[in-house]
Each structure stands twice: as structure tokens, then as C-alpha cells.
Amino acid sequence: MNLSNQDVQLAQGMFVSSATQQHPLGTRGIAPDGRYFRYAKAGAADLVAGHALQSPATIVGNLARAVNTTSATGVGGTSIKVTAGSSTASQFYQEGYAMIASLAGAGLTYYINSQAAISTGATGEIFFYSPEDNLQVAISAGSSTVSLFASKYNGVVTFPATTATGVLVGVAVYVITAGQFGWIQTWGPCAVLGDDTTAIGAPVFCPAGTTGRVIGADATVTTTLSTKQLAGYLMQADVQGQWVGVDLRIAP
């Protein structure tokens, strides 16, 4: 894959919700003041300014799936075939990742270009970006396993109240209409909906007990840190139900 520092003028401006995708998902935008943003697609509901956001839920049934024996799995291959454990819509995994989970090729990650709809129990073919992401190691069909992940910016949703089903990806800074594209903030000062009274400087996490909010690391939260994800650090004392200043530390 060819890498870039993305130091270019971006086509879609801030505070714009667009039905047309204008950048690859996850493209980084940098404001003159040093805040960082990522290009994302909203999920099934409008995104609300100041709400913490989660990636689309990981489909557990499509993790560690056996590579189908009909795959052309030699070095340089441009796709693999897997038997799906859960059905997925067409292009759900576009701009996502195929990670080889075990045996031949284990540890390698490939960027997905396209995928047709797959029904549970059916064989689906996953196409890579070629030639940048052709198979680097021959895959052992029928024994190697692959895990499929959507782009974490493809269908972002308000962070759940209690149990994460994906990873924290950023904060909405304006309304992005359901199914449309726009910018979410991932780094630097940002107004985020608070959920407690923790002091200035404390780290804040998701989930917070209420959808879209962040909660500070008080004594109660500290006992459950293994299930929480860091959003950033309070720029003021947290206020429950109020949008407060948070110095985000999600993705530079």
C-alpha cells in the first residue's frame, strides 16, 4: 500500500453533511489550531453535536472464519472466499479489513475494496485493493482463518450507554444526517456531553451510563476501567448533562 501524509486541501468542508462520499473513510483533516478530525459515514441515526461516537458493531459471527477451499490463495491473490457466520449487506466491509487470524499468513491485514452481500452459511468473496494489498503470503485454504472488520468510520453511531459493541472513534461536532458523510473530531479541545462531577484534568471514558456521554475516572469508574475506553482529559470540572471542554485523545 502506498502511504501519504495526507497534507492536501480537502474537498468537503467542516459543518457539511453530504450524501456523496468525497474522501476515503478515515481521511484525516487538521484544523489550523491543531485539532484533528476524521472523515466518517453516519449510521442509521443522525449524529448529535457533542455526543461520543462508536464504530459499527463488530459482527462476531464473521471472526476467525475458515478460508474456503475454492479460494485462489497463492501469493499475489486479489481476493479470498470465506463461509460467513453472519449475513452482511453488500459493501458492509468496503474500506474495512481482512485479518488473517491463524495458521498460514497469520498476523497480516488486508484492506478490503469490495464485497457482495453474504448470507449466513454462504460463501462470500472478499476483494482487496490491488495491487497494493494483494496476498503477501500464500493462505492455507480450508485451515487458515480470517476475521472481517468494517471500517470503524463506516456507519458510526452514538456510543452505547453501558456496553460497547465497537470502539470509540470520535465526537460529533455538528449534525451529520443518517447515512451521510462528514467530519468527526478525534483530537484536541472539544465540547462533549458530560455525565458526572469529576475534577479538571481527570481522564474521561466511554461508556458513561448514558448514551453519547463521557464519565470521569472517579472511584466508581476506576473499578470498571477494563470495560471502558479513553476519550481524553477534562479541561474543566465535569458537569452532568452539560457539554464540557474535553481535550480529546482518540486518534491523532
C-alpha atoms as a PDB file:
ATOM      1  CA  MET A   1       0.000   0.000   0.000  1.00  0.00           C
ATOM      2  CA  ASN A   2       1.256   3.482  -0.846  1.00  0.00           C
ATOM      3  CA  LEU A   3       1.332   5.776   2.196  1.00  0.00           C
ATOM      4  CA  SER A   4       0.787   9.528   2.346  1.00  0.00           C
ATOM      5  CA  ASN A   5       0.945  12.251   4.981  1.00  0.00           C
ATOM      6  CA  GLN A   6      -2.443  13.495   3.688  1.00  0.00           C
ATOM      7  CA  ASP A   7      -1.063  17.055   3.589  1.00  0.00           C
ATOM      8  CA  VAL A   8      -3.563  18.202   0.946  1.00  0.00           C
ATOM      9  CA  GLN A   9      -6.515  20.581   0.655  1.00  0.00           C
ATOM     10  CA  LEU A  10      -9.666  18.562   1.380  1.00  0.00           C
ATOM     11  CA  ALA A  11     -12.770  18.813  -0.785  1.00  0.00           C
ATOM     12  CA  GLN A  12     -15.538  18.598   1.821  1.00  0.00           C
ATOM     13  CA  GLY A  13     -15.559  21.403   4.373  1.00  0.00           C
ATOM     14  CA  MET A  14     -16.500  21.341   8.035  1.00  0.00           C
ATOM     15  CA  PHE A  15     -20.151  21.551   9.101  1.00  0.00           C
ATOM     16  CA  VAL A  16     -21.255  19.923   5.857  1.00  0.00           C
ATOM     17  CA  SER A  17     -23.321  16.734   5.744  1.00  0.00           C
ATOM     18  CA  SER A  18     -23.028  15.204   2.280  1.00  0.00           C
ATOM     19  CA  ALA A  19     -24.913  12.349   0.649  1.00  0.00           C
ATOM     20  CA  THR A  20     -21.919  11.902  -1.671  1.00  0.00           C
ATOM     21  CA  GLN A  21     -18.667  10.429  -0.363  1.00  0.00           C
ATOM     22  CA  GLN A  22     -15.806  12.778  -1.196  1.00  0.00           C
ATOM     23  CA  HIS A  23     -12.875  11.158   0.648  1.00  0.00           C
ATOM     24  CA  PRO A  24     -11.823   7.679   1.774  1.00  0.00           C
ATOM     25  CA  LEU A  25     -13.279   6.830   5.170  1.00  0.00           C
ATOM     26  CA  GLY A  26     -10.838   7.709   7.938  1.00  0.00           C
ATOM     27  CA  THR A  27      -9.167  10.505   5.964  1.00  0.00           C
ATOM     28  CA  ARG A  28      -7.556  12.894   8.440  1.00  0.00           C
ATOM     29  CA  GLY A  29      -8.331  16.595   8.480  1.00  0.00           C
ATOM     30  CA  ILE A  30      -6.251  19.045  10.532  1.00  0.00           C
ATOM     31  CA  ALA A  31      -7.554  22.453  11.598  1.00  0.00           C
ATOM     32  CA  PRO A  32      -5.109  25.399  11.724  1.00  0.00           C
ATOM     33  CA  ASP A  33      -5.311  25.316  15.547  1.00  0.00           C
ATOM     34  CA  GLY A  34      -4.164  21.688  15.716  1.00  0.00           C
ATOM     35  CA  ARG A  35      -7.475  19.880  16.214  1.00  0.00           C
ATOM     36  CA  TYR A  36      -7.762  16.578  14.309  1.00  0.00           C
ATOM     37  CA  PHE A  37     -10.801  15.196  12.509  1.00  0.00           C
ATOM     38  CA  ARG A  38     -11.655  12.009  10.603  1.00  0.00           C
ATOM     39  CA  TYR A  39     -13.975  11.542   7.654  1.00  0.00           C
ATOM     40  CA  ALA A  40     -16.872   9.257   8.556  1.00  0.00           C
ATOM     41  CA  LYS A  41     -20.263   7.989   7.471  1.00  0.00           C
ATOM     42  CA  ALA A  42     -23.172   8.246   9.906  1.00  0.00           C
ATOM     43  CA  GLY A  43     -25.099   5.101  10.751  1.00  0.00           C
ATOM     44  CA  ALA A  44     -28.867   4.681  10.887  1.00  0.00           C
ATOM     45  CA  ALA A  45     -29.481   7.811  13.007  1.00  0.00           C
ATOM     46  CA  ASP A  46     -28.418  11.458  12.759  1.00  0.00           C
ATOM     47  CA  LEU A  47     -25.267  12.292  14.736  1.00  0.00           C
ATOM     48  CA  VAL A  48     -25.697  14.858  17.513  1.00  0.00           C
ATOM     49  CA  ALA A  49     -23.094  17.550  18.218  1.00  0.00           C
ATOM     50  CA  GLY A  50     -21.087  16.816  21.342  1.00  0.00           C
ATOM     51  CA  HIS A  51     -22.021  13.136  21.525  1.00  0.00           C
ATOM     52  CA  ALA A  52     -19.292  10.490  21.742  1.00  0.00           C
ATOM     53  CA  LEU A  53     -19.358   8.054  18.826  1.00  0.00           C
ATOM     54  CA  GLN A  54     -18.692   4.350  18.384  1.00  0.00           C
ATOM     55  CA  SER A  55     -17.691   2.339  15.331  1.00  0.00           C
ATOM     56  CA  PRO A  56     -20.265  -0.006  13.766  1.00  0.00           C
ATOM     57  CA  ALA A  57     -20.731  -3.099  15.896  1.00  0.00           C
ATOM     58  CA  THR A  58     -18.254  -5.887  15.245  1.00  0.00           C
ATOM     59  CA  ILE A  59     -20.044  -8.903  13.735  1.00  0.00           C
ATOM     60  CA  VAL A  60     -18.813 -11.710  15.971  1.00  0.00           C
ATOM     61  CA  GLY A  61     -20.068 -14.390  13.571  1.00  0.00           C
ATOM     62  CA  ASN A  62     -17.548 -13.248  10.949  1.00  0.00           C
ATOM     63  CA  LEU A  63     -14.463 -13.575  13.131  1.00  0.00           C
ATOM     64  CA  ALA A  64     -11.947 -16.404  12.637  1.00  0.00           C
ATOM     65  CA  ARG A  65     -13.819 -17.899   9.675  1.00  0.00           C
ATOM     66  CA  ALA A  66     -12.160 -20.654   7.642  1.00  0.00           C
ATOM     67  CA  VAL A  67     -10.838 -19.631   4.244  1.00  0.00           C
ATOM     68  CA  ASN A  68     -12.919 -21.510   1.672  1.00  0.00           C
ATOM     69  CA  THR A  69     -11.171 -24.199  -0.363  1.00  0.00           C
ATOM     70  CA  THR A  70     -12.367 -22.568  -3.612  1.00  0.00           C
ATOM     71  CA  SER A  71     -10.167 -19.529  -2.953  1.00  0.00           C
ATOM     72  CA  ALA A  72      -7.211 -18.724  -5.175  1.00  0.00           C
ATOM     73  CA  THR A  73      -4.915 -18.310  -2.201  1.00  0.00           C
ATOM     74  CA  GLY A  74      -1.404 -18.012  -3.616  1.00  0.00           C
ATOM     75  CA  VAL A  75       0.944 -15.055  -3.226  1.00  0.00           C
ATOM     76  CA  GLY A  76      -0.397 -12.138  -5.263  1.00  0.00           C
ATOM     77  CA  GLY A  77      -4.031 -13.233  -4.920  1.00  0.00           C
ATOM     78  CA  THR A  78      -6.546 -10.393  -5.109  1.00  0.00           C
ATOM     79  CA  SER A  79      -9.356 -11.925  -3.039  1.00  0.00           C
ATOM     80  CA  ILE A  80     -10.294 -14.666  -0.616  1.00  0.00           C
ATOM     81  CA  LYS A  81     -13.501 -16.604  -0.085  1.00  0.00           C
ATOM     82  CA  VAL A  82     -14.941 -17.320   3.347  1.00  0.00           C
ATOM     83  CA  THR A  83     -18.052 -19.032   4.653  1.00  0.00           C
ATOM     84  CA  ALA A  84     -19.910 -16.342   6.574  1.00  0.00           C
ATOM     85  CA  GLY A  85     -21.070 -16.963  10.127  1.00  0.00           C
ATOM     86  CA  SER A  86     -23.440 -13.979   9.931  1.00  0.00           C
ATOM     87  CA  SER A  87     -25.143 -12.292   6.998  1.00  0.00           C
ATOM     88  CA  THR A  88     -23.886  -8.878   5.880  1.00  0.00           C
ATOM     89  CA  ALA A  89     -25.159  -6.295   3.437  1.00  0.00           C
ATOM     90  CA  SER A  90     -23.354  -5.522   0.190  1.00  0.00           C
ATOM     91  CA  GLN A  91     -20.212  -3.395   0.748  1.00  0.00           C
ATOM     92  CA  PHE A  92     -20.532  -3.501   4.539  1.00  0.00           C
ATOM     93  CA  TYR A  93     -16.831  -4.368   4.659  1.00  0.00           C
ATOM     94  CA  GLN A  94     -15.752  -1.945   1.917  1.00  0.00           C
ATOM     95  CA  GLU A  95     -12.776   0.095   3.199  1.00  0.00           C
ATOM     96  CA  GLY A  96     -12.561  -2.369   6.077  1.00  0.00           C
ATOM     97  CA  TYR A  97     -10.078  -5.124   6.843  1.00  0.00           C
ATOM     98  CA  ALA A  98      -9.476  -8.833   6.453  1.00  0.00           C
ATOM     99  CA  MET A  99      -7.125 -10.016   9.196  1.00  0.00           C
ATOM    100  CA  ILE A 100      -5.606 -13.479   8.990  1.00  0.00           C
ATOM    101  CA  ALA A 101      -6.320 -14.941  12.416  1.00  0.00           C
ATOM    102  CA  SER A 102      -4.468 -18.260  12.372  1.00  0.00           C
ATOM    103  CA  LEU A 103      -2.058 -20.581  10.530  1.00  0.00           C
ATOM    104  CA  ALA A 104      -0.574 -19.568   7.152  1.00  0.00           C
ATOM    105  CA  GLY A 105      -0.424 -15.790   6.768  1.00  0.00           C
ATOM    106  CA  ALA A 106      -1.431 -15.157  10.394  1.00  0.00           C
ATOM    107  CA  GLY A 107      -0.957 -11.580  11.563  1.00  0.00           C
ATOM    108  CA  LEU A 108      -1.343  -9.955   8.135  1.00  0.00           C
ATOM    109  CA  THR A 109      -4.038  -7.347   7.490  1.00  0.00           C
ATOM    110  CA  TYR A 110      -5.535  -6.584   4.071  1.00  0.00           C
ATOM    111  CA  TYR A 111      -7.591  -3.535   3.032  1.00  0.00           C
ATOM    112  CA  ILE A 112     -10.954  -4.515   1.525  1.00  0.00           C
ATOM    113  CA  ASN A 113     -12.081  -2.958  -1.753  1.00  0.00           C
ATOM    114  CA  SER A 114     -15.484  -4.616  -2.204  1.00  0.00           C
ATOM    115  CA  GLN A 115     -17.768  -7.435  -1.134  1.00  0.00           C
ATOM    116  CA  ALA A 116     -21.200  -8.536  -2.298  1.00  0.00           C
ATOM    117  CA  ALA A 117     -23.984  -9.315   0.166  1.00  0.00           C
ATOM    118  CA  ILE A 118     -23.327 -12.558   2.067  1.00  0.00           C
ATOM    119  CA  SER A 119     -25.944 -14.766   3.741  1.00  0.00           C
ATOM    120  CA  THR A 120     -25.263 -16.775   6.871  1.00  0.00           C
ATOM    121  CA  GLY A 121     -23.626 -20.070   5.900  1.00  0.00           C
ATOM    122  CA  ALA A 122     -22.947 -18.930   2.335  1.00  0.00           C
ATOM    123  CA  THR A 123     -19.557 -18.375   0.732  1.00  0.00           C
ATOM    124  CA  GLY A 124     -18.631 -14.775   0.120  1.00  0.00           C
ATOM    125  CA  GLU A 125     -15.697 -13.370  -1.824  1.00  0.00           C
ATOM    126  CA  ILE A 126     -13.718 -10.515  -0.305  1.00  0.00           C
ATOM    127  CA  PHE A 127     -11.788  -8.416  -2.840  1.00  0.00           C
ATOM    128  CA  PHE A 128      -8.671  -6.458  -1.866  1.00  0.00           C
ATOM    129  CA  TYR A 129      -7.303  -3.212  -3.234  1.00  0.00           C
ATOM    130  CA  SER A 130      -4.957  -4.395  -5.971  1.00  0.00           C
ATOM    131  CA  PRO A 131      -2.036  -4.408  -6.432  1.00  0.00           C
ATOM    132  CA  GLU A 132      -1.314  -2.608  -3.151  1.00  0.00           C
ATOM    133  CA  ASP A 133      -2.940  -5.250  -0.955  1.00  0.00           C
ATOM    134  CA  ASN A 134      -2.507  -8.488  -2.856  1.00  0.00           C
ATOM    135  CA  LEU A 135      -1.818 -11.539  -0.695  1.00  0.00           C
ATOM    136  CA  GLN A 136       1.719 -11.391   0.667  1.00  0.00           C
ATOM    137  CA  VAL A 137       1.780 -14.955   1.976  1.00  0.00           C
ATOM    138  CA  ALA A 138       0.017 -17.975   0.488  1.00  0.00           C
ATOM    139  CA  ILE A 139      -3.095 -18.821   2.516  1.00  0.00           C
ATOM    140  CA  SER A 140      -3.864 -22.364   3.545  1.00  0.00           C
ATOM    141  CA  ALA A 141      -7.386 -22.861   2.206  1.00  0.00           C
ATOM    142  CA  GLY A 142      -9.538 -24.941   4.500  1.00  0.00           C
ATOM    143  CA  SER A 143      -7.354 -24.303   7.554  1.00  0.00           C
ATOM    144  CA  SER A 144      -6.238 -20.661   7.775  1.00  0.00           C
ATOM    145  CA  THR A 145      -8.889 -18.412   9.301  1.00  0.00           C
ATOM    146  CA  VAL A 146      -9.773 -14.796   8.607  1.00  0.00           C
ATOM    147  CA  SER A 147     -11.595 -12.148  10.636  1.00  0.00           C
ATOM    148  CA  LEU A 148     -13.562  -9.424   8.863  1.00  0.00           C
ATOM    149  CA  PHE A 149     -13.899  -5.891  10.210  1.00  0.00           C
ATOM    150  CA  ALA A 150     -15.797  -2.953   8.744  1.00  0.00           C
ATOM    151  CA  SER A 151     -14.052   0.402   8.602  1.00  0.00           C
ATOM    152  CA  LYS A 152     -14.527   1.893  12.031  1.00  0.00           C
ATOM    153  CA  TYR A 153     -15.731   5.059  10.278  1.00  0.00           C
ATOM    154  CA  ASN A 154     -18.389   3.310   8.158  1.00  0.00           C
ATOM    155  CA  GLY A 155     -21.703   3.774   9.937  1.00  0.00           C
ATOM    156  CA  VAL A 156     -20.691   5.426  13.223  1.00  0.00           C
ATOM    157  CA  VAL A 157     -23.310   5.569  15.973  1.00  0.00           C
ATOM    158  CA  THR A 158     -23.828   7.302  19.304  1.00  0.00           C
ATOM    159  CA  PHE A 159     -21.782   5.471  21.938  1.00  0.00           C
ATOM    160  CA  PRO A 160     -23.995   2.998  23.856  1.00  0.00           C
ATOM    161  CA  ALA A 161     -24.898   3.657  27.489  1.00  0.00           C
ATOM    162  CA  THR A 162     -23.409   0.601  29.174  1.00  0.00           C
ATOM    163  CA  THR A 163     -21.798  -1.993  26.891  1.00  0.00           C
ATOM    164  CA  ALA A 164     -19.565  -1.176  23.927  1.00  0.00           C
ATOM    165  CA  THR A 165     -20.076  -3.193  20.736  1.00  0.00           C
ATOM    166  CA  GLY A 166     -17.231  -1.455  18.896  1.00  0.00           C
ATOM    167  CA  VAL A 167     -14.514   1.105  19.555  1.00  0.00           C
ATOM    168  CA  LEU A 168     -14.635   4.810  20.415  1.00  0.00           C
ATOM    169  CA  VAL A 169     -13.946   6.735  17.193  1.00  0.00           C
ATOM    170  CA  GLY A 170     -14.578  10.404  17.951  1.00  0.00           C
ATOM    171  CA  VAL A 171     -17.116  13.073  18.823  1.00  0.00           C
ATOM    172  CA  ALA A 172     -19.727  14.649  16.552  1.00  0.00           C
ATOM    173  CA  VAL A 173     -19.126  18.389  16.159  1.00  0.00           C
ATOM    174  CA  TYR A 174     -22.245  19.078  14.076  1.00  0.00           C
ATOM    175  CA  VAL A 175     -25.259  17.159  12.794  1.00  0.00           C
ATOM    176  CA  ILE A 176     -24.386  14.580  10.146  1.00  0.00           C
ATOM    177  CA  THR A 177     -27.556  13.146   8.649  1.00  0.00           C
ATOM    178  CA  ALA A 178     -28.096   9.390   8.895  1.00  0.00           C
ATOM    179  CA  GLY A 179     -26.304   7.608   6.062  1.00  0.00           C
ATOM    180  CA  GLN A 180     -24.386  10.731   5.027  1.00  0.00           C
ATOM    181  CA  PHE A 181     -20.727  11.737   5.239  1.00  0.00           C
ATOM    182  CA  GLY A 182     -18.889  14.371   7.253  1.00  0.00           C
ATOM    183  CA  TRP A 183     -16.139  15.117   9.778  1.00  0.00           C
ATOM    184  CA  ILE A 184     -15.948  13.937  13.395  1.00  0.00           C
ATOM    185  CA  GLN A 185     -13.355  15.216  15.873  1.00  0.00           C
ATOM    186  CA  THR A 186     -10.753  12.868  17.332  1.00  0.00           C
ATOM    187  CA  TRP A 187      -8.066  15.072  18.950  1.00  0.00           C
ATOM    188  CA  GLY A 188      -7.858  18.397  20.765  1.00  0.00           C
ATOM    189  CA  PRO A 189     -10.338  20.697  22.567  1.00  0.00           C
ATOM    190  CA  CYS A 190     -13.946  19.693  22.021  1.00  0.00           C
ATOM    191  CA  ALA A 191     -17.362  20.162  23.677  1.00  0.00           C
ATOM    192  CA  VAL A 192     -18.578  16.758  24.887  1.00  0.00           C
ATOM    193  CA  LEU A 193     -21.657  15.825  26.904  1.00  0.00           C
ATOM    194  CA  GLY A 194     -20.571  15.071  30.480  1.00  0.00           C
ATOM    195  CA  ASP A 195     -22.072  12.633  32.961  1.00  0.00           C
ATOM    196  CA  ASP A 196     -20.608  13.279  36.420  1.00  0.00           C
ATOM    197  CA  THR A 197     -18.743  15.848  38.571  1.00  0.00           C
ATOM    198  CA  THR A 198     -15.099  14.785  38.214  1.00  0.00           C
ATOM    199  CA  ALA A 199     -12.419  17.462  38.685  1.00  0.00           C
ATOM    200  CA  ILE A 200     -10.484  19.284  35.962  1.00  0.00           C
ATOM    201  CA  GLY A 201      -7.650  17.248  34.447  1.00  0.00           C
ATOM    202  CA  ALA A 202      -9.254  13.858  35.077  1.00  0.00           C
ATOM    203  CA  PRO A 203      -9.396  11.346  32.226  1.00  0.00           C
ATOM    204  CA  VAL A 204     -12.861  10.667  30.830  1.00  0.00           C
ATOM    205  CA  PHE A 205     -14.162   7.431  29.361  1.00  0.00           C
ATOM    206  CA  CYS A 206     -16.974   5.694  27.490  1.00  0.00           C
ATOM    207  CA  PRO A 207     -19.397   4.121  28.168  1.00  0.00           C
ATOM    208  CA  ALA A 208     -20.747   6.504  30.794  1.00  0.00           C
ATOM    209  CA  GLY A 209     -24.113   5.003  31.722  1.00  0.00           C
ATOM    210  CA  THR A 210     -25.952   7.341  29.330  1.00  0.00           C
ATOM    211  CA  THR A 211     -25.669   7.218  25.544  1.00  0.00           C
ATOM    212  CA  GLY A 212     -23.183   9.629  23.964  1.00  0.00           C
ATOM    213  CA  ARG A 213     -21.719  10.904  27.255  1.00  0.00           C
ATOM    214  CA  VAL A 214     -18.278  10.646  28.845  1.00  0.00           C
ATOM    215  CA  ILE A 215     -17.586   9.923  32.505  1.00  0.00           C
ATOM    216  CA  GLY A 216     -14.582  10.839  34.650  1.00  0.00           C
ATOM    217  CA  ALA A 217     -12.299   8.392  36.446  1.00  0.00           C
ATOM    218  CA  ASP A 218     -13.723   8.660  39.951  1.00  0.00           C
ATOM    219  CA  ALA A 219     -13.525   5.803  42.444  1.00  0.00           C
ATOM    220  CA  THR A 220     -16.562   4.037  40.982  1.00  0.00           C
ATOM    221  CA  VAL A 221     -15.328   4.211  37.386  1.00  0.00           C
ATOM    222  CA  THR A 222     -11.807   3.096  38.295  1.00  0.00           C
ATOM    223  CA  THR A 223     -13.128  -0.315  39.302  1.00  0.00           C
ATOM    224  CA  THR A 224     -14.504  -0.863  35.769  1.00  0.00           C
ATOM    225  CA  LEU A 225     -11.714   0.575  33.605  1.00  0.00           C
ATOM    226  CA  SER A 226     -11.202  -2.764  31.862  1.00  0.00           C
ATOM    227  CA  THR A 227     -14.517  -2.213  30.048  1.00  0.00           C
ATOM    228  CA  LYS A 228     -14.065   1.499  29.297  1.00  0.00           C
ATOM    229  CA  GLN A 229     -12.320   3.430  26.524  1.00  0.00           C
ATOM    230  CA  LEU A 230     -10.340   6.638  26.986  1.00  0.00           C
ATOM    231  CA  ALA A 231     -11.786   9.756  25.322  1.00  0.00           C
ATOM    232  CA  GLY A 232      -9.465  12.447  26.696  1.00  0.00           C
ATOM    233  CA  TYR A 233      -8.937  14.783  29.663  1.00  0.00           C
ATOM    234  CA  LEU A 234     -11.267  17.319  31.259  1.00  0.00           C
ATOM    235  CA  MET A 235     -10.474  20.975  30.590  1.00  0.00           C
ATOM    236  CA  GLN A 236     -12.880  21.905  33.401  1.00  0.00           C
ATOM    237  CA  ALA A 237     -14.749  20.154  36.185  1.00  0.00           C
ATOM    238  CA  ASP A 238     -17.269  17.764  34.640  1.00  0.00           C
ATOM    239  CA  VAL A 239     -20.955  18.703  34.870  1.00  0.00           C
ATOM    240  CA  GLN A 240     -23.634  16.062  34.489  1.00  0.00           C
ATOM    241  CA  GLY A 241     -25.874  16.745  31.499  1.00  0.00           C
ATOM    242  CA  GLN A 242     -23.798  19.700  30.282  1.00  0.00           C
ATOM    243  CA  TRP A 243     -21.458  19.960  27.302  1.00  0.00           C
ATOM    244  CA  VAL A 244     -17.997  20.419  28.826  1.00  0.00           C
ATOM    245  CA  GLY A 245     -14.496  21.032  27.477  1.00  0.00           C
ATOM    246  CA  VAL A 246     -12.523  17.842  26.851  1.00  0.00           C
ATOM    247  CA  ASP A 247      -9.044  17.605  25.353  1.00  0.00           C
ATOM    248  CA  LEU A 248      -9.667  14.583  23.141  1.00  0.00           C
ATOM    249  CA  ARG A 249      -7.074  11.820  22.835  1.00  0.00           C
ATOM    250  CA  ILE A 250      -8.684   9.338  20.458  1.00  0.00           C
ATOM    251  CA  ALA A 251      -6.822   9.431  17.117  1.00  0.00           C
ATOM    252  CA  PRO A 252      -4.129  11.980  16.165  1.00  0.00           C
END
